[in-house]
Amino acid sequence: MTTSQMVLGVKLRDDARFDNFHGDRNQDAALRLEAVCAQPAGAPVVVICGDSDTGKSHLLQAVCHFAEQRGQSAVCISIGELMPFGPEALAGLEGHDVVCLDDLDLIAGDAHWEEAVFHLYNRILDRQGLLMVTLSEVPAALPFGLADLGSRLAHGLLVQLGVYRDEDRSRILMARAEQRGLVMSDDVAGFIMRRAPRRLGQLLGILDTLDENSLQAQRRLTIPFVKSVMGW
């Protein structure tokens, strides 16, 4: 099995879809991406920009789920996980209808990787596929050394995500709990929000802990139970 084949064997998360991308803050961005996926011909590259806590990875995986539901071949690659294998690991990805590259800003300034991504872009364009990438900043703010790559990204369809407000994080927390079959009252959600870290990833990590302990103890989510599990 080649390096690329091993990377491509990673399965998509079932909980990363458009219909469970909650929170009003970035809902319009999600709807826009879904519309692009339904009619991708006019956008050879889509650039999703935002902080690490805005749901970029969720949206990339949602794009892949959406494409597969339409009978298309799709792949989502984490650049951070791929980098140890070298830029040649990108070879052959253009065989998919939709190619998603998460955290592409990690290769900014690396000439070999930038060239490999640029050539991948061209191969995808030749096959009339769709390339979708995530960046921490808009392309012009990142130190891409290869001007042609920076230009292609800058002229792609830009979708910018905003940092979640507290009400969005609370809504996402409660919706994720419901998906797991957990009943979370407004009081419990508020209690967690007042004590949990502000970053969404850490907040959902707390939900993982509560879910596991609730299942083992056969207890519902109450403020005393949350206090006992989290040590608050």
Protein backbone atom coordinates (compact mmCIF):
# COMPACT_ATOMS: atom_id res chain seq x y z
CA MET A 1 0.00 0.00 0.00
CA THR A 2 1.41 3.42 -0.94
CA THR A 3 1.66 6.37 1.42
CA SER A 4 -1.19 8.14 -0.35
CA GLN A 5 -3.41 5.09 -0.14
CA MET A 6 -2.79 4.82 3.60
CA VAL A 7 -3.74 8.47 4.09
CA LEU A 8 -6.83 8.13 1.93
CA GLY A 9 -8.01 5.22 4.05
CA VAL A 10 -9.03 7.60 6.86
CA LYS A 11 -12.80 7.56 7.23
CA LEU A 12 -14.95 10.67 7.40
CA ARG A 13 -16.59 11.55 10.69
CA ASP A 14 -20.30 10.77 10.65
CA ASP A 15 -21.01 13.84 12.76
CA ALA A 16 -19.43 16.27 10.28
CA ARG A 17 -22.21 17.14 7.84
CA PHE A 18 -23.94 20.26 6.63
CA ASP A 19 -27.16 19.43 8.46
CA ASN A 20 -25.44 19.36 11.85
CA PHE A 21 -23.21 22.39 11.41
CA HIS A 22 -24.85 24.40 14.18
CA GLY A 23 -24.52 28.00 15.27
CA ASP A 24 -25.87 31.07 13.49
CA ARG A 25 -22.49 32.77 13.20
CA ASN A 26 -21.27 30.72 10.22
CA GLN A 27 -24.53 29.23 8.95
CA ASP A 28 -24.54 31.41 5.83
CA ALA A 29 -21.02 30.21 4.99
CA ALA A 30 -22.13 26.59 5.29
CA LEU A 31 -25.13 27.21 3.02
CA ARG A 32 -22.86 28.90 0.49
CA LEU A 33 -20.48 25.94 0.45
CA GLU A 34 -23.35 23.51 0.01
CA ALA A 35 -24.56 25.53 -2.97
CA VAL A 36 -21.07 25.50 -4.49
CA CYS A 37 -20.88 21.73 -4.10
CA ALA A 38 -24.22 21.35 -5.89
CA GLN A 39 -22.92 23.34 -8.89
CA PRO A 40 -19.11 23.22 -8.73
CA ALA A 41 -18.37 24.02 -12.38
CA GLY A 42 -17.76 27.73 -11.78
CA ALA A 43 -15.35 27.41 -8.85
CA PRO A 44 -12.17 25.37 -9.46
CA VAL A 45 -10.87 26.31 -6.00
CA VAL A 46 -12.70 27.31 -2.83
CA VAL A 47 -10.76 28.83 0.06
CA ILE A 48 -12.24 28.62 3.57
CA CYS A 49 -10.53 31.05 5.94
CA GLY A 50 -10.89 31.32 9.69
CA ASP A 51 -9.54 30.66 13.14
CA SER A 52 -8.81 27.09 14.19
CA ASP A 53 -11.99 27.09 16.28
CA THR A 54 -14.51 28.05 13.59
CA GLY A 55 -15.45 24.66 12.13
CA LYS A 56 -13.26 24.58 9.02
CA SER A 57 -12.48 20.87 9.30
CA HIS A 58 -16.15 20.06 9.93
CA LEU A 59 -17.12 21.88 6.74
CA LEU A 60 -14.47 20.12 4.65
CA GLN A 61 -15.74 16.75 5.78
CA ALA A 62 -19.32 17.90 5.18
CA VAL A 63 -18.31 18.73 1.61
CA CYS A 64 -17.00 15.19 1.16
CA HIS A 65 -20.16 13.62 2.60
CA PHE A 66 -22.27 15.80 0.30
CA ALA A 67 -20.21 14.84 -2.75
CA GLU A 68 -20.43 11.13 -1.96
CA GLN A 69 -24.20 11.39 -1.58
CA ARG A 70 -24.23 12.76 -5.14
CA GLY A 71 -22.24 9.77 -6.39
CA GLN A 72 -18.96 11.68 -6.62
CA SER A 73 -15.55 10.61 -5.38
CA ALA A 74 -14.20 12.84 -2.62
CA VAL A 75 -11.21 12.91 -0.27
CA CYS A 76 -10.31 15.06 2.72
CA ILE A 77 -6.62 15.32 3.63
CA SER A 78 -5.02 16.88 6.71
CA ILE A 79 -1.88 18.65 5.51
CA GLY A 80 -0.41 18.40 9.01
CA GLU A 81 -0.69 14.61 8.93
CA LEU A 82 0.53 14.39 5.33
CA MET A 83 3.65 16.57 5.60
CA PRO A 84 5.95 13.88 7.07
CA PHE A 85 5.46 11.85 3.85
CA GLY A 86 6.64 14.68 1.59
CA PRO A 87 4.88 16.54 -1.25
CA GLU A 88 4.91 13.48 -3.52
CA ALA A 89 2.06 12.15 -1.35
CA LEU A 90 -0.25 14.53 -3.28
CA ALA A 91 0.24 12.50 -6.47
CA GLY A 92 -2.97 11.00 -7.84
CA LEU A 93 -5.41 13.01 -5.74
CA GLU A 94 -6.77 14.62 -8.90
CA GLY A 95 -8.49 11.31 -9.63
CA HIS A 96 -11.21 12.40 -7.17
CA ASP A 97 -14.03 14.71 -8.15
CA VAL A 98 -13.58 16.73 -4.96
CA VAL A 99 -10.25 17.20 -3.16
CA CYS A 100 -10.19 18.89 0.27
CA LEU A 101 -6.91 20.00 1.86
CA ASP A 102 -7.16 21.04 5.50
CA ASP A 103 -4.70 23.58 7.01
CA LEU A 104 -2.99 24.39 3.73
CA ASP A 105 -1.30 27.40 5.38
CA LEU A 106 1.14 24.92 6.95
CA ILE A 107 2.99 24.64 3.64
CA ALA A 108 3.25 28.42 3.03
CA GLY A 109 6.90 29.25 2.44
CA ASP A 110 7.93 25.68 1.62
CA ALA A 111 8.92 25.77 -2.05
CA HIS A 112 8.61 22.03 -2.70
CA TRP A 113 5.17 21.75 -1.13
CA GLU A 114 3.92 24.92 -2.78
CA GLU A 115 4.98 23.65 -6.20
CA ALA A 116 3.31 20.28 -5.57
CA VAL A 117 0.04 21.95 -4.52
CA PHE A 118 0.18 24.25 -7.56
CA HIS A 119 0.59 21.30 -9.93
CA LEU A 120 -2.21 19.45 -8.13
CA TYR A 121 -4.43 22.50 -8.63
CA ASN A 122 -3.70 22.45 -12.37
CA ARG A 123 -4.40 18.73 -12.67
CA ILE A 124 -7.71 19.12 -10.83
CA LEU A 125 -8.60 22.07 -13.08
CA ASP A 126 -7.82 20.01 -16.20
CA ARG A 127 -10.20 17.30 -14.99
CA GLN A 128 -12.89 19.87 -14.10
CA GLY A 129 -12.77 18.81 -10.47
CA LEU A 130 -13.13 20.91 -7.34
CA LEU A 131 -10.31 21.80 -4.95
CA MET A 132 -11.28 23.08 -1.51
CA VAL A 133 -8.72 24.24 1.04
CA THR A 134 -8.70 25.80 4.50
CA LEU A 135 -6.39 28.59 5.62
CA SER A 136 -5.93 30.43 8.90
CA GLU A 137 -5.85 33.78 7.06
CA VAL A 138 -6.82 35.14 3.67
CA PRO A 139 -4.27 34.05 1.02
CA ALA A 140 -2.69 37.51 0.68
CA ALA A 141 -1.82 37.51 4.40
CA LEU A 142 0.15 34.26 4.22
CA PRO A 143 3.82 33.94 3.13
CA PHE A 144 3.33 31.94 -0.05
CA GLY A 145 6.59 32.14 -2.01
CA LEU A 146 5.18 30.77 -5.27
CA ALA A 147 3.35 33.74 -6.76
CA ASP A 148 1.26 31.57 -9.10
CA LEU A 149 -0.10 29.54 -6.20
CA GLY A 150 -0.86 32.62 -4.12
CA SER A 151 -2.62 34.17 -7.12
CA ARG A 152 -4.78 31.09 -7.77
CA LEU A 153 -5.86 30.96 -4.14
CA ALA A 154 -6.49 34.70 -3.97
CA HIS A 155 -8.75 34.51 -7.04
CA GLY A 156 -10.68 31.48 -5.81
CA LEU A 157 -14.04 31.65 -4.10
CA LEU A 158 -13.34 32.93 -0.58
CA VAL A 159 -15.54 31.84 2.31
CA GLN A 160 -14.60 33.50 5.60
CA LEU A 161 -15.68 32.10 8.96
CA GLY A 162 -16.14 34.18 12.09
CA VAL A 163 -15.25 33.34 15.68
CA TYR A 164 -18.22 31.84 17.51
CA ARG A 165 -20.09 33.87 20.08
CA ASP A 166 -21.07 32.36 23.43
CA GLU A 167 -24.66 31.77 22.32
CA ASP A 168 -23.41 29.86 19.27
CA ARG A 169 -21.13 27.68 21.39
CA SER A 170 -24.00 26.95 23.79
CA ARG A 171 -26.32 26.02 20.92
CA ILE A 172 -23.67 23.76 19.38
CA LEU A 173 -23.02 22.08 22.75
CA MET A 174 -26.72 21.34 23.28
CA ALA A 175 -27.22 20.13 19.71
CA ARG A 176 -24.22 17.79 19.92
CA ALA A 177 -25.52 16.44 23.24
CA GLU A 178 -28.90 15.75 21.64
CA GLN A 179 -27.23 13.88 18.77
CA ARG A 180 -25.64 11.58 21.36
CA GLY A 181 -29.00 10.93 23.02
CA LEU A 182 -28.17 13.12 26.01
CA VAL A 183 -30.71 15.48 27.52
CA MET A 184 -29.01 18.77 28.41
CA SER A 185 -31.12 21.47 30.02
CA ASP A 186 -30.47 25.18 29.58
CA ASP A 187 -29.30 25.32 33.22
CA VAL A 188 -26.74 22.56 32.71
CA ALA A 189 -25.51 24.09 29.45
CA GLY A 190 -25.18 27.47 31.14
CA PHE A 191 -23.26 25.92 34.05
CA ILE A 192 -20.82 24.26 31.65
CA MET A 193 -20.39 27.41 29.57
CA ARG A 194 -19.51 29.49 32.65
CA ARG A 195 -16.71 27.10 33.64
CA ALA A 196 -15.46 25.54 30.41
CA PRO A 197 -12.67 26.93 28.21
CA ARG A 198 -13.95 29.25 25.51
CA ARG A 199 -12.58 27.27 22.58
CA LEU A 200 -15.20 25.10 20.90
CA GLY A 201 -12.90 22.10 20.52
CA GLN A 202 -12.22 22.02 24.26
CA LEU A 203 -15.91 22.48 25.01
CA LEU A 204 -16.82 19.48 22.86
CA GLY A 205 -14.04 17.52 24.54
CA ILE A 206 -15.85 18.09 27.84
CA LEU A 207 -19.00 16.72 26.23
CA ASP A 208 -17.06 13.57 25.28
CA THR A 209 -16.05 13.12 28.92
CA LEU A 210 -19.58 13.69 30.20
CA ASP A 211 -21.04 11.33 27.61
CA GLU A 212 -18.66 8.52 28.58
CA ASN A 213 -19.24 8.97 32.31
CA SER A 214 -22.99 9.32 31.91
CA LEU A 215 -23.09 6.04 30.03
CA GLN A 216 -20.97 4.21 32.61
CA ALA A 217 -22.88 5.59 35.59
CA GLN A 218 -26.29 5.46 33.92
CA ARG A 219 -26.83 9.04 35.08
CA ARG A 220 -28.48 11.93 33.32
CA LEU A 221 -26.73 15.27 32.95
CA THR A 222 -27.42 17.35 36.03
CA ILE A 223 -25.33 20.14 37.53
CA PRO A 224 -24.24 17.95 40.50
CA PHE A 225 -23.23 15.15 38.10
CA VAL A 226 -21.27 17.55 35.88
CA LYS A 227 -19.55 18.96 38.97
CA SER A 228 -18.54 15.47 40.15
CA VAL A 229 -17.21 14.39 36.76
CA MET A 230 -15.32 17.58 35.92
CA GLY A 231 -14.17 18.41 39.46
CA TRP A 232 -15.64 21.90 39.32
